[in-house]
Amino acid sequence: MSTFPGGTSLSHLDVYDTAAGDGVCGGSPHMHLVSTEAYVVISGEGALQSIDAAGFRETPLTAGDVVWFTPGTIHRAVNRGDLRVVVLMSNAGLPEAGDAVMTFPAEVMARADSYAAAASLGGDDDGRAERTARRRDLAVTGFETLRDAVLAGDRTALDAFHAAAAVLVRHRAAAWGDLIRQGPLAQARTSLAHAEAIAQGDTTHLDEARVQQAAASAGERRYGMCGRLRTYDVTDQEQTR
């Protein structure tokens, strides 16, 4: 169980500082189908490049900025100098359960096996940086196609990407409801019950007040889609008085 606010997850992200095939430093463009993501910029500078129904947009990022993007926003983190962000993700656990889809070219998106092969970082750790870069570059290739099409006023490629992404994750989506019910929905119901209790003069739940502290993942930061990640375990820990 986690009482971390909103059923969200938390991680610290150092955005990749290596250049993709187009010469832009940053992460792998991708989209979440159900979850909303937020960046709290803590240092450096860069940008968030995004594609949605309104078209292509680039949002500058500097220390102190807070941006968030809703499901269906294709996004690419761009690093223009030591860009580091704290990431808040709704529906904790859901992105790891397949909510994120990278913008690979249409021929890769067309088959589950080709997508899985392109997305995989399997193998020994020694070659993981190179495999991450290849994955990122392939996603950038697809991103450029989508960007150029929407800039030209053509949504055909974007609509096709949405449809292909939904097909790729459909077999996993049935289980997502449980994650939402056990996380953010359960928290909302608990908060509602607390509000109703206070309105009736019942303060019993205040006796359960506790301080919790997240445990940071040990060892080297792992390779994520946008950069090197340090995750935090926000599961409630048993405490003694």
C-alpha atoms as a PDB file:
ATOM      1  CA  MET A   1       0.000   0.000   0.000  1.00  0.00           C
ATOM      2  CA  SER A   2       1.132   3.558  -0.668  1.00  0.00           C
ATOM      3  CA  THR A   3      -0.211   6.808   0.760  1.00  0.00           C
ATOM      4  CA  PHE A   4       2.104   8.872  -1.453  1.00  0.00           C
ATOM      5  CA  PRO A   5      -0.081  11.699  -2.822  1.00  0.00           C
ATOM      6  CA  GLY A   6      -2.439  10.855  -5.640  1.00  0.00           C
ATOM      7  CA  GLY A   7      -1.287   7.310  -6.306  1.00  0.00           C
ATOM      8  CA  THR A   8       1.656   8.727  -8.247  1.00  0.00           C
ATOM      9  CA  SER A   9       5.218   7.506  -8.731  1.00  0.00           C
ATOM     10  CA  LEU A  10       8.380   9.564  -8.315  1.00  0.00           C
ATOM     11  CA  SER A  11      11.752   9.428 -10.016  1.00  0.00           C
ATOM     12  CA  HIS A  12      14.816  11.602 -10.591  1.00  0.00           C
ATOM     13  CA  LEU A  13      15.844  11.916 -14.237  1.00  0.00           C
ATOM     14  CA  ASP A  14      19.121  12.984 -15.807  1.00  0.00           C
ATOM     15  CA  VAL A  15      18.078  13.546 -19.421  1.00  0.00           C
ATOM     16  CA  TYR A  16      20.422  11.904 -21.934  1.00  0.00           C
ATOM     17  CA  ASP A  17      23.126  14.300 -23.145  1.00  0.00           C
ATOM     18  CA  THR A  18      24.116  12.325 -26.242  1.00  0.00           C
ATOM     19  CA  ALA A  19      22.931  13.337 -29.694  1.00  0.00           C
ATOM     20  CA  ALA A  20      20.382  11.376 -31.691  1.00  0.00           C
ATOM     21  CA  GLY A  21      20.568  10.960 -35.447  1.00  0.00           C
ATOM     22  CA  ASP A  22      19.144  14.446 -35.988  1.00  0.00           C
ATOM     23  CA  GLY A  23      21.859  16.020 -33.832  1.00  0.00           C
ATOM     24  CA  VAL A  24      19.509  16.792 -30.924  1.00  0.00           C
ATOM     25  CA  CYS A  25      20.522  15.582 -27.458  1.00  0.00           C
ATOM     26  CA  GLY A  26      17.812  13.940 -25.389  1.00  0.00           C
ATOM     27  CA  GLY A  27      15.559  10.984 -24.880  1.00  0.00           C
ATOM     28  CA  SER A  28      13.335   8.615 -26.815  1.00  0.00           C
ATOM     29  CA  PRO A  29      10.054  10.161 -27.968  1.00  0.00           C
ATOM     30  CA  HIS A  30       7.077   8.227 -26.662  1.00  0.00           C
ATOM     31  CA  MET A  31       3.448   8.475 -25.577  1.00  0.00           C
ATOM     32  CA  HIS A  32       1.412   7.308 -22.592  1.00  0.00           C
ATOM     33  CA  LEU A  33      -2.055   6.006 -23.344  1.00  0.00           C
ATOM     34  CA  VAL A  34      -3.628   6.431 -19.890  1.00  0.00           C
ATOM     35  CA  SER A  35      -1.197   8.241 -17.574  1.00  0.00           C
ATOM     36  CA  THR A  36      -0.377  11.929 -17.120  1.00  0.00           C
ATOM     37  CA  GLU A  37       3.280  12.845 -16.560  1.00  0.00           C
ATOM     38  CA  ALA A  38       4.820  15.934 -14.938  1.00  0.00           C
ATOM     39  CA  TYR A  39       8.327  17.397 -14.975  1.00  0.00           C
ATOM     40  CA  VAL A  40       9.657  19.566 -12.156  1.00  0.00           C
ATOM     41  CA  VAL A  41      12.905  20.992 -13.559  1.00  0.00           C
ATOM     42  CA  ILE A  42      15.615  21.195 -10.909  1.00  0.00           C
ATOM     43  CA  SER A  43      18.649  22.208 -12.992  1.00  0.00           C
ATOM     44  CA  GLY A  44      19.957  22.914 -16.454  1.00  0.00           C
ATOM     45  CA  GLU A  45      18.061  23.832 -19.561  1.00  0.00           C
ATOM     46  CA  GLY A  46      16.347  22.106 -22.424  1.00  0.00           C
ATOM     47  CA  ALA A  47      12.915  21.683 -23.921  1.00  0.00           C
ATOM     48  CA  LEU A  48       9.928  19.420 -24.187  1.00  0.00           C
ATOM     49  CA  GLN A  49       9.052  18.697 -27.798  1.00  0.00           C
ATOM     50  CA  SER A  50       5.498  17.440 -28.132  1.00  0.00           C
ATOM     51  CA  ILE A  51       2.958  16.329 -30.687  1.00  0.00           C
ATOM     52  CA  ASP A  52      -0.760  16.201 -29.953  1.00  0.00           C
ATOM     53  CA  ALA A  53      -4.058  16.966 -31.682  1.00  0.00           C
ATOM     54  CA  ALA A  54      -3.077  20.664 -31.801  1.00  0.00           C
ATOM     55  CA  GLY A  55       0.160  19.897 -33.668  1.00  0.00           C
ATOM     56  CA  PHE A  56       3.865  20.216 -32.816  1.00  0.00           C
ATOM     57  CA  ARG A  57       5.120  22.379 -29.969  1.00  0.00           C
ATOM     58  CA  GLU A  58       8.415  23.038 -28.208  1.00  0.00           C
ATOM     59  CA  THR A  59       8.204  24.144 -24.557  1.00  0.00           C
ATOM     60  CA  PRO A  60      11.447  25.580 -23.097  1.00  0.00           C
ATOM     61  CA  LEU A  61      12.597  24.086 -19.789  1.00  0.00           C
ATOM     62  CA  THR A  62      14.752  25.796 -17.168  1.00  0.00           C
ATOM     63  CA  ALA A  63      15.230  25.313 -13.429  1.00  0.00           C
ATOM     64  CA  GLY A  64      11.989  25.917 -11.559  1.00  0.00           C
ATOM     65  CA  ASP A  65       9.684  25.136 -14.479  1.00  0.00           C
ATOM     66  CA  VAL A  66       6.795  22.707 -14.019  1.00  0.00           C
ATOM     67  CA  VAL A  67       5.120  21.145 -17.040  1.00  0.00           C
ATOM     68  CA  TRP A  68       2.782  18.212 -17.414  1.00  0.00           C
ATOM     69  CA  PHE A  69       1.221  16.389 -20.319  1.00  0.00           C
ATOM     70  CA  THR A  70      -1.883  14.270 -20.558  1.00  0.00           C
ATOM     71  CA  PRO A  71      -2.408  10.858 -22.227  1.00  0.00           C
ATOM     72  CA  GLY A  72      -1.869  10.947 -25.970  1.00  0.00           C
ATOM     73  CA  THR A  73       0.860  13.604 -25.857  1.00  0.00           C
ATOM     74  CA  ILE A  74       3.883  12.357 -27.769  1.00  0.00           C
ATOM     75  CA  HIS A  75       6.845  13.886 -25.969  1.00  0.00           C
ATOM     76  CA  ARG A  76      10.600  14.135 -26.314  1.00  0.00           C
ATOM     77  CA  ALA A  77      12.879  15.511 -23.606  1.00  0.00           C
ATOM     78  CA  VAL A  78      15.644  17.658 -25.125  1.00  0.00           C
ATOM     79  CA  ASN A  79      18.819  18.370 -23.139  1.00  0.00           C
ATOM     80  CA  ARG A  80      20.597  21.656 -23.889  1.00  0.00           C
ATOM     81  CA  GLY A  81      22.811  21.577 -20.812  1.00  0.00           C
ATOM     82  CA  ASP A  82      22.665  19.460 -17.640  1.00  0.00           C
ATOM     83  CA  LEU A  83      18.881  19.031 -17.743  1.00  0.00           C
ATOM     84  CA  ARG A  84      17.670  17.237 -14.616  1.00  0.00           C
ATOM     85  CA  VAL A  85      14.056  16.805 -13.603  1.00  0.00           C
ATOM     86  CA  VAL A  86      11.920  15.202 -10.945  1.00  0.00           C
ATOM     87  CA  VAL A  87       9.237  13.156 -12.678  1.00  0.00           C
ATOM     88  CA  LEU A  88       5.788  12.606 -11.207  1.00  0.00           C
ATOM     89  CA  MET A  89       3.699   9.988 -12.990  1.00  0.00           C
ATOM     90  CA  SER A  90       0.046   9.286 -12.360  1.00  0.00           C
ATOM     91  CA  ASN A  91      -1.218   5.731 -11.885  1.00  0.00           C
ATOM     92  CA  ALA A  92       1.937   4.388 -10.240  1.00  0.00           C
ATOM     93  CA  GLY A  93       2.985   1.121 -11.816  1.00  0.00           C
ATOM     94  CA  LEU A  94       0.889   1.521 -14.937  1.00  0.00           C
ATOM     95  CA  PRO A  95       3.604   2.940 -17.254  1.00  0.00           C
ATOM     96  CA  GLU A  96       5.821  -0.004 -16.294  1.00  0.00           C
ATOM     97  CA  ALA A  97       2.888  -2.285 -17.167  1.00  0.00           C
ATOM     98  CA  GLY A  98       2.948  -1.150 -20.791  1.00  0.00           C
ATOM     99  CA  ASP A  99       1.289   2.284 -20.830  1.00  0.00           C
ATOM    100  CA  ALA A 100       4.239   3.844 -22.712  1.00  0.00           C
ATOM    101  CA  VAL A 101       4.690   3.354 -26.471  1.00  0.00           C
ATOM    102  CA  MET A 102       7.669   4.719 -28.387  1.00  0.00           C
ATOM    103  CA  THR A 103       7.342   6.424 -31.763  1.00  0.00           C
ATOM    104  CA  PHE A 104       9.004   3.801 -33.915  1.00  0.00           C
ATOM    105  CA  PRO A 105       8.421   3.957 -37.683  1.00  0.00           C
ATOM    106  CA  ALA A 106       5.127   2.580 -38.980  1.00  0.00           C
ATOM    107  CA  GLU A 107       6.640  -0.676 -40.234  1.00  0.00           C
ATOM    108  CA  VAL A 108       7.967  -1.435 -36.730  1.00  0.00           C
ATOM    109  CA  MET A 109       4.687  -0.455 -35.075  1.00  0.00           C
ATOM    110  CA  ALA A 110       2.749  -2.786 -37.387  1.00  0.00           C
ATOM    111  CA  ARG A 111       3.801  -5.985 -35.576  1.00  0.00           C
ATOM    112  CA  ALA A 112       4.068  -6.788 -31.889  1.00  0.00           C
ATOM    113  CA  ASP A 113       7.246  -8.826 -32.340  1.00  0.00           C
ATOM    114  CA  SER A 114       9.064  -6.136 -34.306  1.00  0.00           C
ATOM    115  CA  TYR A 115       8.060  -3.503 -31.760  1.00  0.00           C
ATOM    116  CA  ALA A 116       9.191  -5.711 -28.856  1.00  0.00           C
ATOM    117  CA  ALA A 117      12.550  -6.355 -30.504  1.00  0.00           C
ATOM    118  CA  ALA A 118      13.115  -2.639 -31.130  1.00  0.00           C
ATOM    119  CA  ALA A 119      12.086  -1.686 -27.580  1.00  0.00           C
ATOM    120  CA  SER A 120      14.133  -4.330 -25.767  1.00  0.00           C
ATOM    121  CA  LEU A 121      17.309  -3.433 -23.895  1.00  0.00           C
ATOM    122  CA  GLY A 122      18.024  -7.069 -23.072  1.00  0.00           C
ATOM    123  CA  GLY A 123      21.533  -8.449 -22.936  1.00  0.00           C
ATOM    124  CA  ASP A 124      24.529  -7.688 -20.789  1.00  0.00           C
ATOM    125  CA  ASP A 125      24.967  -4.347 -19.064  1.00  0.00           C
ATOM    126  CA  ASP A 126      28.155  -3.530 -20.996  1.00  0.00           C
ATOM    127  CA  GLY A 127      26.243  -2.837 -24.203  1.00  0.00           C
ATOM    128  CA  ARG A 128      23.165  -1.239 -22.673  1.00  0.00           C
ATOM    129  CA  ALA A 129      24.161   2.364 -23.444  1.00  0.00           C
ATOM    130  CA  GLU A 130      24.606   1.531 -27.129  1.00  0.00           C
ATOM    131  CA  ARG A 131      21.307  -0.370 -27.295  1.00  0.00           C
ATOM    132  CA  THR A 132      19.544   2.527 -25.587  1.00  0.00           C
ATOM    133  CA  ALA A 133      20.972   4.947 -28.161  1.00  0.00           C
ATOM    134  CA  ARG A 134      19.842   2.740 -31.063  1.00  0.00           C
ATOM    135  CA  ARG A 135      16.342   2.509 -29.586  1.00  0.00           C
ATOM    136  CA  ARG A 136      16.237   6.272 -29.082  1.00  0.00           C
ATOM    137  CA  ASP A 137      17.408   6.966 -32.638  1.00  0.00           C
ATOM    138  CA  LEU A 138      14.744   4.678 -34.103  1.00  0.00           C
ATOM    139  CA  ALA A 139      12.058   6.444 -32.065  1.00  0.00           C
ATOM    140  CA  VAL A 140      13.362   9.820 -33.235  1.00  0.00           C
ATOM    141  CA  THR A 141      13.044   8.661 -36.855  1.00  0.00           C
ATOM    142  CA  GLY A 142       9.359   7.932 -36.305  1.00  0.00           C
ATOM    143  CA  PHE A 143       8.919  11.159 -34.322  1.00  0.00           C
ATOM    144  CA  GLU A 144      10.305  13.219 -37.214  1.00  0.00           C
ATOM    145  CA  THR A 145       7.789  11.629 -39.598  1.00  0.00           C
ATOM    146  CA  LEU A 146       4.902  12.448 -37.271  1.00  0.00           C
ATOM    147  CA  ARG A 147       6.174  15.976 -36.615  1.00  0.00           C
ATOM    148  CA  ASP A 148       6.653  16.815 -40.279  1.00  0.00           C
ATOM    149  CA  ALA A 149       3.197  15.502 -41.144  1.00  0.00           C
ATOM    150  CA  VAL A 150       1.358  17.530 -38.492  1.00  0.00           C
ATOM    151  CA  LEU A 151       3.354  20.647 -39.374  1.00  0.00           C
ATOM    152  CA  ALA A 152       2.107  20.166 -42.950  1.00  0.00           C
ATOM    153  CA  GLY A 153      -1.451  19.925 -41.647  1.00  0.00           C
ATOM    154  CA  ASP A 154      -1.769  16.171 -42.195  1.00  0.00           C
ATOM    155  CA  ARG A 155      -2.961  14.103 -39.210  1.00  0.00           C
ATOM    156  CA  THR A 156      -3.043  10.792 -41.058  1.00  0.00           C
ATOM    157  CA  ALA A 157       0.274   9.519 -39.671  1.00  0.00           C
ATOM    158  CA  LEU A 158      -0.625  10.631 -36.123  1.00  0.00           C
ATOM    159  CA  ASP A 159      -3.988   8.872 -36.253  1.00  0.00           C
ATOM    160  CA  ALA A 160      -2.293   5.728 -37.567  1.00  0.00           C
ATOM    161  CA  PHE A 161       0.264   5.852 -34.726  1.00  0.00           C
ATOM    162  CA  HIS A 162      -2.523   6.167 -32.133  1.00  0.00           C
ATOM    163  CA  ALA A 163      -4.305   3.163 -33.619  1.00  0.00           C
ATOM    164  CA  ALA A 164      -1.134   1.057 -33.808  1.00  0.00           C
ATOM    165  CA  ALA A 165      -0.177   1.929 -30.219  1.00  0.00           C
ATOM    166  CA  ALA A 166      -3.599   0.873 -28.965  1.00  0.00           C
ATOM    167  CA  VAL A 167      -3.310  -2.462 -30.744  1.00  0.00           C
ATOM    168  CA  LEU A 168       0.126  -3.108 -29.242  1.00  0.00           C
ATOM    169  CA  VAL A 169      -1.046  -2.639 -25.641  1.00  0.00           C
ATOM    170  CA  ARG A 170      -4.632  -3.863 -25.869  1.00  0.00           C
ATOM    171  CA  HIS A 171      -3.877  -7.301 -24.419  1.00  0.00           C
ATOM    172  CA  ARG A 172      -2.353  -5.663 -21.331  1.00  0.00           C
ATOM    173  CA  ALA A 173      -4.932  -2.939 -20.813  1.00  0.00           C
ATOM    174  CA  ALA A 174      -7.490  -5.136 -19.029  1.00  0.00           C
ATOM    175  CA  ALA A 175      -5.146  -5.370 -16.029  1.00  0.00           C
ATOM    176  CA  TRP A 176      -4.620  -1.605 -15.807  1.00  0.00           C
ATOM    177  CA  GLY A 177      -7.975  -1.086 -14.140  1.00  0.00           C
ATOM    178  CA  ASP A 178      -6.795  -2.966 -11.056  1.00  0.00           C
ATOM    179  CA  LEU A 179      -3.732  -0.703 -10.734  1.00  0.00           C
ATOM    180  CA  ILE A 180      -5.929   2.376 -10.903  1.00  0.00           C
ATOM    181  CA  ARG A 181      -8.520   1.013  -8.480  1.00  0.00           C
ATOM    182  CA  GLN A 182      -5.824  -0.015  -5.967  1.00  0.00           C
ATOM    183  CA  GLY A 183      -3.896   3.260  -6.337  1.00  0.00           C
ATOM    184  CA  PRO A 184      -5.411   6.653  -7.153  1.00  0.00           C
ATOM    185  CA  LEU A 185      -9.038   5.544  -6.917  1.00  0.00           C
ATOM    186  CA  ALA A 186      -8.504   3.939  -3.505  1.00  0.00           C
ATOM    187  CA  GLN A 187      -6.767   7.106  -2.284  1.00  0.00           C
ATOM    188  CA  ALA A 188      -9.604   9.300  -3.544  1.00  0.00           C
ATOM    189  CA  ARG A 189     -12.160   7.111  -1.786  1.00  0.00           C
ATOM    190  CA  THR A 190     -10.139   7.252   1.443  1.00  0.00           C
ATOM    191  CA  SER A 191      -9.900  11.051   1.234  1.00  0.00           C
ATOM    192  CA  LEU A 192     -13.632  11.287   0.638  1.00  0.00           C
ATOM    193  CA  ALA A 193     -14.310   9.066   3.656  1.00  0.00           C
ATOM    194  CA  HIS A 194     -12.025  11.256   5.784  1.00  0.00           C
ATOM    195  CA  ALA A 195     -13.800  14.429   4.663  1.00  0.00           C
ATOM    196  CA  GLU A 196     -17.181  12.915   5.459  1.00  0.00           C
ATOM    197  CA  ALA A 197     -15.904  11.768   8.859  1.00  0.00           C
ATOM    198  CA  ILE A 198     -14.642  15.247   9.770  1.00  0.00           C
ATOM    199  CA  ALA A 199     -17.970  16.736   8.693  1.00  0.00           C
ATOM    200  CA  GLN A 200     -19.591  14.437  11.261  1.00  0.00           C
ATOM    201  CA  GLY A 201     -17.069  15.293  13.977  1.00  0.00           C
ATOM    202  CA  ASP A 202     -15.262  11.944  13.756  1.00  0.00           C
ATOM    203  CA  THR A 203     -11.465  12.337  14.050  1.00  0.00           C
ATOM    204  CA  THR A 204     -10.573   8.664  14.467  1.00  0.00           C
ATOM    205  CA  HIS A 205      -8.425   8.523  11.316  1.00  0.00           C
ATOM    206  CA  LEU A 206      -6.127  11.256  12.670  1.00  0.00           C
ATOM    207  CA  ASP A 207      -4.776   8.724  15.166  1.00  0.00           C
ATOM    208  CA  GLU A 208      -3.227   6.860  12.220  1.00  0.00           C
ATOM    209  CA  ALA A 209      -1.017   9.790  11.166  1.00  0.00           C
ATOM    210  CA  ARG A 210       2.517   8.749  10.177  1.00  0.00           C
ATOM    211  CA  VAL A 211       5.604  10.145   8.444  1.00  0.00           C
ATOM    212  CA  GLN A 212       6.911   8.037   5.548  1.00  0.00           C
ATOM    213  CA  GLN A 213      10.222   8.321   3.700  1.00  0.00           C
ATOM    214  CA  ALA A 214      10.887   7.015   0.203  1.00  0.00           C
ATOM    215  CA  ALA A 215      13.817   4.692  -0.398  1.00  0.00           C
ATOM    216  CA  ALA A 216      15.921   5.542  -3.450  1.00  0.00           C
ATOM    217  CA  SER A 217      16.973   2.728  -5.751  1.00  0.00           C
ATOM    218  CA  ALA A 218      20.491   1.533  -5.053  1.00  0.00           C
ATOM    219  CA  GLY A 219      23.391   1.341  -7.467  1.00  0.00           C
ATOM    220  CA  GLU A 220      23.738   2.969 -10.854  1.00  0.00           C
ATOM    221  CA  ARG A 221      20.805   4.814 -12.360  1.00  0.00           C
ATOM    222  CA  ARG A 222      18.935   2.629 -14.830  1.00  0.00           C
ATOM    223  CA  TYR A 223      18.479   3.420 -18.518  1.00  0.00           C
ATOM    224  CA  GLY A 224      15.005   4.846 -19.132  1.00  0.00           C
ATOM    225  CA  MET A 225      13.324   6.240 -22.203  1.00  0.00           C
ATOM    226  CA  CYS A 226      14.319   9.861 -21.511  1.00  0.00           C
ATOM    227  CA  GLY A 227      17.513   9.473 -19.505  1.00  0.00           C
ATOM    228  CA  ARG A 228      19.206   7.822 -16.555  1.00  0.00           C
ATOM    229  CA  LEU A 229      16.676   7.237 -13.794  1.00  0.00           C
ATOM    230  CA  ARG A 230      16.807   6.869 -10.055  1.00  0.00           C
ATOM    231  CA  THR A 231      13.466   5.569  -8.870  1.00  0.00           C
ATOM    232  CA  TYR A 232      11.947   5.770  -5.406  1.00  0.00           C
ATOM    233  CA  ASP A 233       9.947   3.181  -3.526  1.00  0.00           C
ATOM    234  CA  VAL A 234       6.973   5.101  -2.140  1.00  0.00           C
ATOM    235  CA  THR A 235       5.323   2.039  -0.606  1.00  0.00           C
ATOM    236  CA  ASP A 236       4.297   2.652   3.008  1.00  0.00           C
ATOM    237  CA  GLN A 237       6.645   1.092   5.546  1.00  0.00           C
ATOM    238  CA  GLU A 238       5.502  -0.278   8.885  1.00  0.00           C
ATOM    239  CA  GLN A 239       6.541   1.945  11.725  1.00  0.00           C
ATOM    240  CA  THR A 240       6.668   1.523  15.461  1.00  0.00           C
ATOM    241  CA  ARG A 241       5.670   4.244  17.846  1.00  0.00           C
END
